[in-house]
Amino acid sequence: GSGPACQMASQYQNISALILISPYTSLKAATRSLLGSVASMLVRERFDNLSTIEKVKAPTLIIHGAKDTLIPETHAKELYKKRGDNCSRLIIS
């Protein structure tokens, strides 16, 4: 869900908030993290959250588990850094 949620939040500026749980920076990057570079070349990029999150105007909460074995917490940290305003929060537990 973080890909479609981020995409919709960037298009509909009147939403109240965006909450991302264990988000990835992009579908290709998530595949690369999980399966390696060769596998990521087979994935078409549909959800580039790292580019899209800059267009989100709503307050954003990003939650990620430190022990997540599917998506590394670095993805959440990168998204938080890219969001770059005082209307966003990052929680890693």
N, C-alpha and C. Protein backbone atom coordinates (compact mmCIF):
# COMPACT_ATOMS: atom_id res chain seq x y z
N GLY A 1 0.68 -1.20 0.00
CA GLY A 1 0.00 0.00 0.00
C GLY A 1 0.74 1.30 0.00
N SER A 2 2.04 1.36 0.32
CA SER A 2 2.68 2.67 0.41
C SER A 2 2.81 3.33 -0.97
N GLY A 3 2.98 2.55 -2.02
CA GLY A 3 3.09 3.11 -3.37
C GLY A 3 1.82 3.81 -3.80
N PRO A 4 0.68 3.11 -3.80
CA PRO A 4 -0.57 3.76 -4.18
C PRO A 4 -0.96 4.90 -3.23
N ALA A 5 -0.71 4.72 -1.93
CA ALA A 5 -1.07 5.76 -0.96
C ALA A 5 -0.29 7.05 -1.22
N CYS A 6 0.99 6.91 -1.45
CA CYS A 6 1.84 8.07 -1.72
C CYS A 6 1.42 8.74 -3.04
N GLN A 7 1.14 7.94 -4.04
CA GLN A 7 0.72 8.46 -5.35
C GLN A 7 -0.58 9.26 -5.21
N MET A 8 -1.55 8.69 -4.51
CA MET A 8 -2.84 9.38 -4.34
C MET A 8 -2.69 10.66 -3.52
N ALA A 9 -1.85 10.60 -2.47
CA ALA A 9 -1.66 11.79 -1.63
C ALA A 9 -0.98 12.90 -2.41
N SER A 10 -0.18 12.56 -3.39
CA SER A 10 0.47 13.59 -4.20
C SER A 10 -0.49 14.22 -5.20
N GLN A 11 -1.53 13.49 -5.57
CA GLN A 11 -2.50 13.98 -6.54
C GLN A 11 -3.67 14.72 -5.91
N TYR A 12 -4.09 14.28 -4.73
CA TYR A 12 -5.25 14.87 -4.05
C TYR A 12 -4.76 15.68 -2.87
N GLN A 13 -4.65 16.97 -3.07
CA GLN A 13 -4.04 17.85 -2.07
C GLN A 13 -4.94 18.13 -0.87
N ASN A 14 -6.20 17.71 -0.91
CA ASN A 14 -7.11 18.03 0.19
C ASN A 14 -7.22 16.90 1.22
N ILE A 15 -6.33 15.92 1.20
CA ILE A 15 -6.40 14.86 2.20
C ILE A 15 -5.87 15.38 3.54
N SER A 16 -6.30 14.76 4.63
CA SER A 16 -5.94 15.23 5.97
C SER A 16 -4.55 14.79 6.39
N ALA A 17 -4.15 13.56 6.01
CA ALA A 17 -2.85 13.04 6.42
C ALA A 17 -2.47 11.85 5.57
N LEU A 18 -1.19 11.55 5.55
CA LEU A 18 -0.67 10.37 4.88
C LEU A 18 0.08 9.55 5.92
N ILE A 19 -0.28 8.29 6.07
CA ILE A 19 0.41 7.39 7.00
C ILE A 19 1.00 6.25 6.18
N LEU A 20 2.31 6.11 6.27
CA LEU A 20 3.02 5.05 5.55
C LEU A 20 3.61 4.08 6.57
N ILE A 21 3.31 2.80 6.40
CA ILE A 21 3.82 1.77 7.30
C ILE A 21 4.76 0.87 6.51
N SER A 22 6.00 0.80 6.95
CA SER A 22 7.06 0.03 6.27
C SER A 22 7.12 0.36 4.78
N PRO A 23 7.24 1.64 4.44
CA PRO A 23 7.24 2.02 3.03
C PRO A 23 8.58 1.74 2.35
N TYR A 24 8.52 1.62 1.04
CA TYR A 24 9.74 1.48 0.24
C TYR A 24 9.97 2.79 -0.51
N THR A 25 11.21 3.05 -0.88
CA THR A 25 11.52 4.25 -1.65
C THR A 25 11.01 4.12 -3.08
N SER A 26 11.15 2.92 -3.63
CA SER A 26 10.61 2.61 -4.95
C SER A 26 10.47 1.10 -5.06
N LEU A 27 9.63 0.67 -5.97
CA LEU A 27 9.43 -0.76 -6.17
C LEU A 27 10.72 -1.44 -6.63
N LYS A 28 11.47 -0.77 -7.49
CA LYS A 28 12.75 -1.32 -7.95
C LYS A 28 13.73 -1.45 -6.79
N ALA A 29 13.80 -0.43 -5.93
CA ALA A 29 14.72 -0.47 -4.79
C ALA A 29 14.33 -1.55 -3.80
N ALA A 30 13.04 -1.75 -3.61
CA ALA A 30 12.58 -2.81 -2.70
C ALA A 30 12.97 -4.18 -3.25
N THR A 31 12.80 -4.37 -4.54
CA THR A 31 13.20 -5.62 -5.18
C THR A 31 14.70 -5.83 -5.07
N ARG A 32 15.45 -4.76 -5.29
CA ARG A 32 16.91 -4.84 -5.19
C ARG A 32 17.33 -5.23 -3.77
N SER A 33 16.69 -4.64 -2.76
CA SER A 33 17.00 -4.95 -1.36
C SER A 33 16.71 -6.41 -1.03
N LEU A 34 15.65 -6.93 -1.61
CA LEU A 34 15.20 -8.28 -1.29
C LEU A 34 15.84 -9.35 -2.15
N LEU A 35 15.95 -9.11 -3.46
CA LEU A 35 16.38 -10.15 -4.39
C LEU A 35 17.67 -9.86 -5.15
N GLY A 36 18.17 -8.62 -5.08
CA GLY A 36 19.41 -8.28 -5.76
C GLY A 36 19.20 -7.44 -7.01
N SER A 37 20.32 -6.97 -7.55
CA SER A 37 20.30 -6.05 -8.69
C SER A 37 19.73 -6.66 -9.96
N VAL A 38 20.07 -7.92 -10.22
CA VAL A 38 19.60 -8.56 -11.45
C VAL A 38 18.08 -8.64 -11.45
N ALA A 39 17.50 -9.06 -10.34
CA ALA A 39 16.04 -9.18 -10.24
C ALA A 39 15.37 -7.81 -10.39
N SER A 40 16.00 -6.77 -9.85
CA SER A 40 15.39 -5.44 -9.93
C SER A 40 15.31 -4.92 -11.37
N MET A 41 16.18 -5.44 -12.25
CA MET A 41 16.12 -5.03 -13.66
C MET A 41 14.86 -5.56 -14.34
N LEU A 42 14.25 -6.58 -13.78
CA LEU A 42 13.05 -7.17 -14.37
C LEU A 42 11.77 -6.46 -13.92
N VAL A 43 11.90 -5.57 -12.94
CA VAL A 43 10.74 -4.89 -12.38
C VAL A 43 10.55 -3.53 -13.05
N ARG A 44 9.35 -3.30 -13.52
CA ARG A 44 9.02 -2.00 -14.09
C ARG A 44 8.68 -1.05 -12.94
N GLU A 45 9.22 0.14 -12.98
CA GLU A 45 8.99 1.09 -11.91
C GLU A 45 7.62 1.72 -12.03
N ARG A 46 6.74 1.38 -11.09
CA ARG A 46 5.39 1.95 -11.09
C ARG A 46 5.21 2.92 -9.94
N PHE A 47 5.86 2.65 -8.83
CA PHE A 47 5.68 3.49 -7.65
C PHE A 47 7.03 3.98 -7.14
N ASP A 48 7.39 5.17 -7.54
CA ASP A 48 8.64 5.79 -7.09
C ASP A 48 8.30 6.75 -5.96
N ASN A 49 8.18 6.22 -4.76
CA ASN A 49 7.78 7.02 -3.61
C ASN A 49 8.77 8.14 -3.30
N LEU A 50 10.04 7.91 -3.57
CA LEU A 50 11.05 8.91 -3.28
C LEU A 50 10.82 10.19 -4.09
N SER A 51 10.39 10.05 -5.32
CA SER A 51 10.08 11.23 -6.15
C SER A 51 8.70 11.80 -5.80
N THR A 52 7.77 10.92 -5.55
CA THR A 52 6.38 11.33 -5.32
C THR A 52 6.18 12.05 -4.00
N ILE A 53 6.92 11.67 -2.96
CA ILE A 53 6.66 12.22 -1.62
C ILE A 53 6.93 13.72 -1.55
N GLU A 54 7.73 14.23 -2.44
CA GLU A 54 7.99 15.68 -2.48
C GLU A 54 6.73 16.48 -2.83
N LYS A 55 5.80 15.85 -3.53
CA LYS A 55 4.58 16.53 -3.97
C LYS A 55 3.45 16.46 -2.94
N VAL A 56 3.64 15.67 -1.89
CA VAL A 56 2.61 15.50 -0.86
C VAL A 56 2.59 16.73 0.04
N LYS A 57 1.43 17.33 0.23
CA LYS A 57 1.28 18.51 1.07
C LYS A 57 0.74 18.17 2.45
N ALA A 58 0.12 17.03 2.61
CA ALA A 58 -0.52 16.64 3.87
C ALA A 58 0.53 16.24 4.91
N PRO A 59 0.22 16.41 6.18
CA PRO A 59 1.10 15.90 7.24
C PRO A 59 1.33 14.40 7.02
N THR A 60 2.55 13.97 7.25
CA THR A 60 2.92 12.59 6.93
C THR A 60 3.54 11.90 8.14
N LEU A 61 3.07 10.70 8.41
CA LEU A 61 3.61 9.86 9.47
C LEU A 61 4.19 8.61 8.81
N ILE A 62 5.46 8.35 9.09
CA ILE A 62 6.13 7.17 8.54
C ILE A 62 6.49 6.26 9.70
N ILE A 63 6.02 5.03 9.66
CA ILE A 63 6.27 4.04 10.72
C ILE A 63 7.00 2.86 10.10
N HIS A 64 8.08 2.43 10.76
CA HIS A 64 8.84 1.29 10.22
C HIS A 64 9.42 0.48 11.37
N GLY A 65 9.41 -0.83 11.23
CA GLY A 65 9.99 -1.71 12.24
C GLY A 65 11.49 -1.87 12.02
N ALA A 66 12.26 -1.74 13.07
CA ALA A 66 13.72 -1.86 12.98
C ALA A 66 14.15 -3.26 12.57
N LYS A 67 13.31 -4.25 12.86
CA LYS A 67 13.66 -5.64 12.55
C LYS A 67 12.94 -6.16 11.30
N ASP A 68 12.41 -5.27 10.51
CA ASP A 68 11.72 -5.65 9.27
C ASP A 68 12.71 -6.37 8.36
N THR A 69 12.38 -7.57 7.93
CA THR A 69 13.28 -8.34 7.06
C THR A 69 12.90 -8.21 5.59
N LEU A 70 11.80 -7.56 5.29
CA LEU A 70 11.37 -7.41 3.90
C LEU A 70 11.86 -6.09 3.30
N ILE A 71 11.54 -4.99 3.96
CA ILE A 71 11.96 -3.66 3.51
C ILE A 71 12.88 -3.07 4.59
N PRO A 72 14.13 -2.77 4.26
CA PRO A 72 15.04 -2.19 5.25
C PRO A 72 14.56 -0.83 5.75
N GLU A 73 14.84 -0.53 7.00
CA GLU A 73 14.41 0.75 7.58
C GLU A 73 15.04 1.95 6.89
N THR A 74 16.11 1.73 6.15
CA THR A 74 16.74 2.83 5.41
C THR A 74 15.79 3.45 4.40
N HIS A 75 14.85 2.65 3.88
CA HIS A 75 13.85 3.18 2.94
C HIS A 75 13.00 4.26 3.63
N ALA A 76 12.54 3.96 4.85
CA ALA A 76 11.72 4.91 5.60
C ALA A 76 12.52 6.17 5.92
N LYS A 77 13.78 5.99 6.31
CA LYS A 77 14.63 7.14 6.64
C LYS A 77 14.86 8.03 5.42
N GLU A 78 15.05 7.42 4.26
CA GLU A 78 15.24 8.20 3.04
C GLU A 78 13.98 8.99 2.68
N LEU A 79 12.82 8.35 2.82
CA LEU A 79 11.56 9.03 2.52
C LEU A 79 11.35 10.20 3.48
N TYR A 80 11.63 9.99 4.75
CA TYR A 80 11.49 11.04 5.75
C TYR A 80 12.41 12.22 5.42
N LYS A 81 13.65 11.92 5.07
CA LYS A 81 14.62 12.96 4.73
C LYS A 81 14.17 13.73 3.48
N LYS A 82 13.65 13.02 2.50
CA LYS A 82 13.19 13.64 1.26
C LYS A 82 11.95 14.51 1.49
N ARG A 83 11.10 14.08 2.42
CA ARG A 83 9.88 14.84 2.74
C ARG A 83 10.26 16.21 3.25
N GLY A 84 11.24 16.25 4.12
CA GLY A 84 11.93 17.46 4.51
C GLY A 84 11.16 18.65 5.01
N ASP A 85 10.12 18.47 5.80
CA ASP A 85 9.47 19.63 6.39
C ASP A 85 9.02 19.29 7.82
N ASN A 86 8.45 20.26 8.49
CA ASN A 86 8.06 20.02 9.87
C ASN A 86 6.69 19.37 10.01
N CYS A 87 6.09 18.99 8.91
CA CYS A 87 4.78 18.31 8.94
C CYS A 87 4.92 16.80 8.81
N SER A 88 6.11 16.29 9.05
CA SER A 88 6.27 14.84 8.93
C SER A 88 6.96 14.30 10.18
N ARG A 89 6.68 13.04 10.48
CA ARG A 89 7.26 12.35 11.63
C ARG A 89 7.70 10.97 11.18
N LEU A 90 8.78 10.50 11.80
CA LEU A 90 9.31 9.16 11.53
C LEU A 90 9.37 8.42 12.85
N ILE A 91 8.80 7.22 12.87
CA ILE A 91 8.86 6.36 14.05
C ILE A 91 9.45 5.03 13.62
N ILE A 92 10.57 4.65 14.22
CA ILE A 92 11.17 3.34 13.98
C ILE A 92 11.25 2.66 15.33
N SER A 93 10.65 1.48 15.40
CA SER A 93 10.68 0.77 16.68
C SER A 93 11.05 -0.68 16.48
